[in-house]
Amino acid sequence: MDYGLDTHKLMLHPQRVTDWLVGKQIAPLLVEICPIGRCNHRCIFCAYNYTDYKGDSLEYIKMLGVLLDMGKMGVKAIDWDTEGEPLLHPRLPEFINFAKYSGIDSAVETNGVLLTEDFMKKCGHNLTYIKVSVDAACNETHYKLHRGGKKDWEKVIKNTANAVKLNTGCAIGIQMVLLKENEDEVQKLSEIAKEIGVDWFVVKPFSVHPFQDSSKVTMGDINKIKDIPGVTVREQTFGRLFQERDYPVCYGVNFISNIDCFGNVTVCNTLTRNEKYNLGNIYKESFKDIWERRPREFDIKECKREVCRMDKQNLYLWQLKNPSKHVNFI
């Protein structure tokens, strides 16, 4: 099955894109929400290590209202992830269930330590997918990279296998950030992924966040792993790492939004905890009002990230706004 792990899906939302092209007010398709700004791991490659993981957690009643409003606006999906470990929020299952009630799909990215049977039974049926960041094929490497518990890798693999067995209808995938420390474990992890029956195993590059401390990180070699069977390597994304952007502005800010653990709405997740780019706060005004005063385009020079998640979307949107010559010769 094709999960579109190394591409974008904006072309599957032609009406929303058309409305944007003609200047109509549109809702974001996707909102990334950080339910809690704390984490039980200290990954050496974490993009948010500059926050020191000293974050708040989103209030239950407030979030129910926000989710209801988002559904009415036309938001299609929520990623529960970004700066903390989302499963640390005790009411995350309720958020996920209420999002579904409001007409919004949900996905979770987790380190898997708290991916328990109880969690899956509470909300697995209302999740579209779970992405488990495993990043290693043994306890030793996992501990070196994630800096959590010394036996957390075993727990994560067991939890992931159990989640698959529960068969709630939620797709479950394993993710690895390719580093020097784990590049020789891709083969083994692919075998483990196949054995426990996950829906995909994807390997992605390490991309430096402009604010993070990346001094302990050495990128892995894609040439060592790209032909390993059972592995989806994000080759397009790897290929973009050292290329200049093909567009001067980000139009992706019209299709995605971000809410941090304090309720701040920011231009995008790369700029989380940066006051300059805060658009407003959901505890003080509605998400709709904040969203509607967003910048309609954003200078790429302000971002300073090698590759962001909206890169492919921006390539597509830039071409729509600035078509090449002879477009009828398809």
Protein backbone atom coordinates (compact mmCIF):
# COMPACT_ATOMS: atom_id res chain seq x y z
CA MET A 1 0.00 0.00 0.00
CA ASP A 2 1.25 3.50 -0.87
CA TYR A 3 1.28 5.83 2.13
CA GLY A 4 2.90 8.72 0.24
CA LEU A 5 5.79 8.90 2.71
CA ASP A 6 8.15 10.78 0.40
CA THR A 7 5.75 13.04 -1.45
CA HIS A 8 2.89 15.44 -0.71
CA LYS A 9 -0.90 15.17 -0.97
CA LEU A 10 -2.03 18.69 -1.80
CA MET A 11 -3.05 17.59 -5.29
CA LEU A 12 -5.71 15.45 -3.59
CA HIS A 13 -7.37 18.62 -2.24
CA PRO A 14 -8.06 20.50 -5.50
CA GLN A 15 -10.94 22.60 -4.16
CA ARG A 16 -8.97 23.91 -1.18
CA VAL A 17 -6.00 24.71 -3.42
CA THR A 18 -8.25 26.38 -6.01
CA ASP A 19 -9.90 28.53 -3.33
CA TRP A 20 -6.44 29.63 -2.20
CA LEU A 21 -5.35 30.42 -5.76
CA VAL A 22 -8.32 32.75 -6.32
CA GLY A 23 -7.78 34.50 -2.98
CA LYS A 24 -10.55 33.01 -0.85
CA GLN A 25 -10.19 32.62 2.91
CA ILE A 26 -9.39 28.96 3.59
CA ALA A 27 -8.90 26.78 6.65
CA PRO A 28 -5.68 24.81 7.13
CA LEU A 29 -5.86 21.20 6.03
CA LEU A 30 -3.51 20.13 8.83
CA VAL A 31 -2.79 21.49 12.30
CA GLU A 32 0.19 20.27 14.30
CA ILE A 33 -0.62 20.37 18.00
CA CYS A 34 1.74 19.84 20.90
CA PRO A 35 -0.45 18.64 23.79
CA ILE A 36 2.44 18.70 26.27
CA GLY A 37 5.89 20.24 26.18
CA ARG A 38 7.66 17.63 28.28
CA CYS A 39 9.39 14.43 27.21
CA ASN A 40 10.62 11.19 28.78
CA HIS A 41 13.57 10.98 26.34
CA ARG A 42 16.40 13.36 25.45
CA CYS A 43 17.18 12.35 21.86
CA ILE A 44 20.50 13.69 20.61
CA PHE A 45 18.86 14.64 17.31
CA CYS A 46 15.73 16.27 18.73
CA ALA A 47 14.84 19.48 16.90
CA TYR A 48 13.36 20.92 20.07
CA ASN A 49 16.21 20.44 22.52
CA TYR A 50 16.52 24.23 22.65
CA THR A 51 13.27 24.31 24.69
CA ASP A 52 14.84 22.27 27.55
CA TYR A 53 11.47 20.43 27.53
CA LYS A 54 10.13 22.92 30.06
CA GLY A 55 6.67 23.16 28.65
CA ASP A 56 3.06 23.34 29.70
CA SER A 57 0.15 21.05 28.78
CA LEU A 58 -2.99 22.07 26.93
CA GLU A 59 -6.13 22.46 29.02
CA TYR A 60 -8.82 19.85 28.45
CA ILE A 61 -11.97 22.01 28.27
CA LYS A 62 -10.32 24.70 26.15
CA MET A 63 -9.08 22.12 23.65
CA LEU A 64 -12.52 20.60 23.20
CA GLY A 65 -13.82 23.99 22.12
CA VAL A 66 -10.85 24.54 19.81
CA LEU A 67 -11.34 21.13 18.18
CA LEU A 68 -15.03 21.78 17.63
CA ASP A 69 -14.25 25.13 16.00
CA MET A 70 -11.56 23.55 13.82
CA GLY A 71 -14.02 20.97 12.57
CA LYS A 72 -16.51 23.69 11.64
CA MET A 73 -13.76 25.64 9.84
CA GLY A 74 -12.83 22.66 7.68
CA VAL A 75 -9.60 21.45 9.27
CA LYS A 76 -9.08 17.89 8.02
CA ALA A 77 -6.31 16.47 10.20
CA ILE A 78 -4.26 16.94 13.36
CA ASP A 79 -0.73 15.74 14.05
CA TRP A 80 -0.33 15.31 17.80
CA ASP A 81 3.42 15.69 18.13
CA THR A 82 6.15 18.40 17.79
CA GLU A 83 8.08 19.49 20.90
CA GLY A 84 7.18 16.87 23.54
CA GLU A 85 6.06 13.26 23.94
CA PRO A 86 2.30 13.52 23.27
CA LEU A 87 1.37 10.36 25.17
CA LEU A 88 2.48 12.04 28.41
CA HIS A 89 -0.73 14.09 28.27
CA PRO A 90 -3.25 12.06 30.31
CA ARG A 91 -6.21 13.24 28.23
CA LEU A 92 -4.75 12.73 24.77
CA PRO A 93 -7.13 9.81 24.03
CA GLU A 94 -10.07 12.11 24.77
CA PHE A 95 -8.65 14.79 22.48
CA ILE A 96 -8.28 12.23 19.70
CA ASN A 97 -11.80 10.88 20.15
CA PHE A 98 -13.31 14.37 20.25
CA ALA A 99 -11.35 15.40 17.17
CA LYS A 100 -12.94 12.48 15.31
CA TYR A 101 -16.36 13.53 16.60
CA SER A 102 -15.60 17.00 15.18
CA GLY A 103 -14.79 15.50 11.77
CA ILE A 104 -10.99 15.66 12.07
CA ASP A 105 -8.53 12.81 11.51
CA SER A 106 -5.69 12.34 14.01
CA ALA A 107 -2.16 10.97 13.87
CA VAL A 108 0.39 10.56 16.66
CA GLU A 109 4.17 10.52 16.54
CA THR A 110 5.59 8.89 19.67
CA ASN A 111 8.73 7.32 21.08
CA GLY A 112 6.51 4.35 21.94
CA VAL A 113 7.32 3.93 25.63
CA LEU A 114 3.75 4.81 26.64
CA LEU A 115 2.06 3.14 23.66
CA THR A 116 0.15 0.80 25.94
CA GLU A 117 -2.78 -1.50 25.34
CA ASP A 118 -4.91 0.85 27.45
CA PHE A 119 -4.07 3.79 25.17
CA MET A 120 -4.87 1.81 22.04
CA LYS A 121 -8.17 0.56 23.41
CA LYS A 122 -9.20 4.08 24.38
CA CYS A 123 -8.54 5.79 21.06
CA GLY A 124 -6.87 3.49 18.50
CA HIS A 125 -10.13 3.17 16.56
CA ASN A 126 -10.16 6.95 16.05
CA LEU A 127 -6.54 7.28 14.95
CA THR A 128 -5.53 7.30 11.28
CA TYR A 129 -1.95 6.31 12.01
CA ILE A 130 0.76 6.10 14.66
CA LYS A 131 4.39 6.72 13.80
CA VAL A 132 6.80 5.18 16.32
CA SER A 133 10.29 6.67 16.43
CA VAL A 134 12.46 3.62 17.11
CA ASP A 135 15.79 4.66 15.55
CA ALA A 136 17.75 1.56 16.61
CA ALA A 137 17.78 -2.23 16.55
CA CYS A 138 19.08 -2.83 20.09
CA ASN A 139 18.94 -1.43 23.61
CA GLU A 140 22.48 -0.06 23.54
CA THR A 141 22.11 2.10 20.43
CA HIS A 142 18.62 3.19 21.41
CA TYR A 143 19.84 4.36 24.82
CA LYS A 144 22.76 6.20 23.21
CA LEU A 145 20.45 8.04 20.80
CA HIS A 146 17.26 8.49 22.85
CA ARG A 147 18.78 8.81 26.32
CA GLY A 148 15.72 7.40 28.06
CA GLY A 149 15.58 4.13 29.99
CA LYS A 150 18.29 1.55 29.32
CA LYS A 151 15.67 -1.07 28.40
CA ASP A 152 13.26 1.28 26.63
CA TRP A 153 13.99 -0.21 23.21
CA GLU A 154 12.61 -3.59 24.29
CA LYS A 155 9.55 -1.88 25.71
CA VAL A 156 8.98 0.12 22.52
CA ILE A 157 9.22 -2.96 20.28
CA LYS A 158 6.88 -4.91 22.56
CA ASN A 159 4.38 -2.04 22.70
CA THR A 160 4.46 -1.62 18.93
CA ALA A 161 3.93 -5.34 18.34
CA ASN A 162 1.00 -5.38 20.78
CA ALA A 163 -0.54 -2.32 19.13
CA VAL A 164 -0.41 -4.10 15.77
CA LYS A 165 -2.03 -7.22 17.25
CA LEU A 166 -4.92 -5.20 18.67
CA ASN A 167 -5.93 -4.40 15.07
CA THR A 168 -7.90 -1.24 15.87
CA GLY A 169 -7.89 -0.10 12.24
CA CYS A 170 -5.10 2.38 12.85
CA ALA A 171 -2.03 2.12 10.58
CA ILE A 172 1.21 1.72 12.54
CA GLY A 173 4.63 2.56 11.18
CA ILE A 174 8.21 2.64 12.44
CA GLN A 175 10.53 5.55 11.76
CA MET A 176 14.30 5.93 11.89
CA VAL A 177 16.37 9.10 11.61
CA LEU A 178 19.51 7.97 9.78
CA LEU A 179 22.64 8.70 11.81
CA LYS A 180 26.19 7.38 11.90
CA GLU A 181 25.35 5.47 15.07
CA ASN A 182 22.42 3.50 13.58
CA GLU A 183 23.17 3.15 9.85
CA ASP A 184 24.41 -0.42 10.36
CA GLU A 185 21.17 -1.39 12.15
CA VAL A 186 18.71 -0.56 9.37
CA GLN A 187 18.73 -4.13 8.03
CA LYS A 188 18.04 -5.61 11.46
CA LEU A 189 15.29 -3.12 12.26
CA SER A 190 13.65 -3.81 8.90
CA GLU A 191 13.53 -7.51 9.81
CA ILE A 192 12.01 -6.69 13.19
CA ALA A 193 9.46 -4.39 11.56
CA LYS A 194 8.43 -7.15 9.15
CA GLU A 195 8.21 -9.70 11.96
CA ILE A 196 5.88 -7.62 14.12
CA GLY A 197 3.78 -6.63 11.10
CA VAL A 198 3.89 -2.85 10.99
CA ASP A 199 2.48 -1.10 7.94
CA TRP A 200 5.73 0.63 7.02
CA PHE A 201 9.31 1.23 8.04
CA VAL A 202 10.63 4.59 6.86
CA VAL A 203 14.12 6.07 7.09
CA LYS A 204 14.48 9.83 6.91
CA PRO A 205 17.43 12.23 7.06
CA PHE A 206 18.51 14.33 9.99
CA SER A 207 17.65 17.95 9.21
CA VAL A 208 19.19 20.63 11.39
CA HIS A 209 16.72 22.93 13.15
CA PRO A 210 17.98 26.54 13.19
CA PHE A 211 17.72 26.78 17.00
CA GLN A 212 18.80 23.30 18.11
CA ASP A 213 22.12 22.06 19.44
CA SER A 214 23.21 19.53 16.81
CA SER A 215 26.82 19.22 17.96
CA LYS A 216 26.40 15.55 18.95
CA VAL A 217 24.86 14.48 15.63
CA THR A 218 26.57 12.91 12.60
CA MET A 219 24.37 12.13 9.61
CA GLY A 220 24.30 8.57 8.28
CA ASP A 221 25.13 7.43 4.75
CA ILE A 222 22.06 6.83 2.56
CA ASN A 223 24.12 4.77 0.10
CA LYS A 224 24.54 2.07 2.74
CA ILE A 225 20.83 1.51 3.21
CA LYS A 226 18.84 2.57 0.13
CA ASP A 227 18.66 -0.93 -1.37
CA ILE A 228 17.65 -2.79 1.79
CA PRO A 229 14.32 -4.57 1.14
CA GLY A 230 11.33 -3.61 3.25
CA VAL A 231 12.60 -0.09 3.89
CA THR A 232 11.05 3.10 2.55
CA VAL A 233 13.94 5.52 2.21
CA ARG A 234 12.89 9.13 1.77
CA GLU A 235 15.30 9.59 -1.12
CA GLN A 236 13.69 12.77 -2.42
CA THR A 237 14.06 14.36 1.00
CA PHE A 238 17.67 13.20 1.32
CA GLY A 239 18.31 14.67 -2.12
CA ARG A 240 16.95 18.07 -1.10
CA LEU A 241 19.24 18.45 1.91
CA PHE A 242 22.00 20.29 0.13
CA GLN A 243 20.00 22.00 -2.61
CA GLU A 244 18.98 25.62 -2.75
CA ARG A 245 15.25 26.23 -2.40
CA ASP A 246 13.48 26.58 -5.75
CA TYR A 247 11.08 29.16 -4.36
CA PRO A 248 11.61 32.40 -2.40
CA VAL A 249 8.45 32.27 -0.29
CA CYS A 250 6.55 29.65 1.67
CA TYR A 251 2.93 29.34 0.56
CA GLY A 252 2.56 26.26 2.73
CA VAL A 253 1.61 28.50 5.66
CA ASN A 254 -1.87 28.65 4.10
CA PHE A 255 -2.42 24.92 4.48
CA ILE A 256 -0.78 24.03 7.79
CA SER A 257 -0.75 25.57 11.26
CA ASN A 258 0.92 24.89 14.59
CA ILE A 259 -0.20 25.16 18.21
CA ASP A 260 2.43 24.78 20.92
CA CYS A 261 1.98 23.49 24.47
CA PHE A 262 1.24 27.02 25.77
CA GLY A 263 -1.55 27.55 23.25
CA ASN A 264 0.48 29.83 20.99
CA VAL A 265 -0.32 29.63 17.29
CA THR A 266 2.87 29.99 15.26
CA VAL A 267 3.60 30.37 11.56
CA CYS A 268 5.06 26.84 11.50
CA ASN A 269 6.63 24.30 13.87
CA THR A 270 10.17 25.34 12.93
CA LEU A 271 9.49 28.67 14.64
CA THR A 272 7.94 27.29 17.84
CA ARG A 273 8.81 29.26 21.00
CA ASN A 274 9.90 32.27 18.95
CA GLU A 275 7.83 35.28 19.99
CA LYS A 276 8.45 37.06 16.71
CA TYR A 277 6.38 34.48 14.88
CA ASN A 278 3.53 34.00 17.35
CA LEU A 279 0.23 34.90 15.73
CA GLY A 280 -1.85 34.71 18.89
CA ASN A 281 -2.96 32.43 21.71
CA ILE A 282 -6.00 30.14 21.85
CA TYR A 283 -6.59 31.01 25.53
CA LYS A 284 -7.15 34.65 24.56
CA GLU A 285 -9.00 34.43 21.25
CA SER A 286 -10.41 31.88 18.83
CA PHE A 287 -8.19 29.80 16.60
CA LYS A 288 -10.24 30.99 13.63
CA ASP A 289 -9.54 34.66 14.35
CA ILE A 290 -5.83 33.98 14.83
CA TRP A 291 -5.60 31.89 11.68
CA GLU A 292 -7.32 34.45 9.49
CA ARG A 293 -4.66 37.07 10.15
CA ARG A 294 -1.76 34.77 9.25
CA PRO A 295 0.76 35.94 6.66
CA ARG A 296 -0.34 34.68 3.23
CA GLU A 297 3.27 34.09 2.29
CA PHE A 298 6.44 33.78 4.31
CA ASP A 299 10.00 34.66 3.35
CA ILE A 300 12.05 31.44 3.17
CA LYS A 301 15.07 33.34 4.47
CA GLU A 302 13.25 33.67 7.79
CA CYS A 303 13.02 29.90 8.16
CA LYS A 304 16.68 28.90 7.84
CA ARG A 305 15.92 25.16 7.84
CA GLU A 306 17.61 22.83 5.36
CA VAL A 307 14.45 20.93 4.51
CA CYS A 308 11.05 21.38 6.12
CA ARG A 309 7.98 19.20 5.91
CA MET A 310 6.31 21.66 3.52
CA ASP A 311 9.14 21.66 0.96
CA LYS A 312 7.39 19.47 -1.60
CA GLN A 313 4.11 21.30 -1.06
CA ASN A 314 5.88 24.59 -1.65
CA LEU A 315 7.41 23.36 -4.90
CA TYR A 316 3.91 22.44 -6.08
CA LEU A 317 2.30 25.71 -4.95
CA TRP A 318 5.07 27.85 -6.41
CA GLN A 319 4.59 26.18 -9.79
CA LEU A 320 0.84 26.83 -9.65
CA LYS A 321 1.46 30.49 -8.89
CA ASN A 322 4.34 30.77 -11.35
CA PRO A 323 3.69 28.28 -14.17
CA SER A 324 6.41 27.36 -16.63
CA LYS A 325 6.11 28.05 -20.36
CA HIS A 326 3.97 25.98 -22.74
CA VAL A 327 1.75 24.49 -20.01
CA ASN A 328 -0.65 22.90 -22.49
CA PHE A 329 2.02 20.48 -23.68
CA ILE A 330 1.48 18.11 -20.81
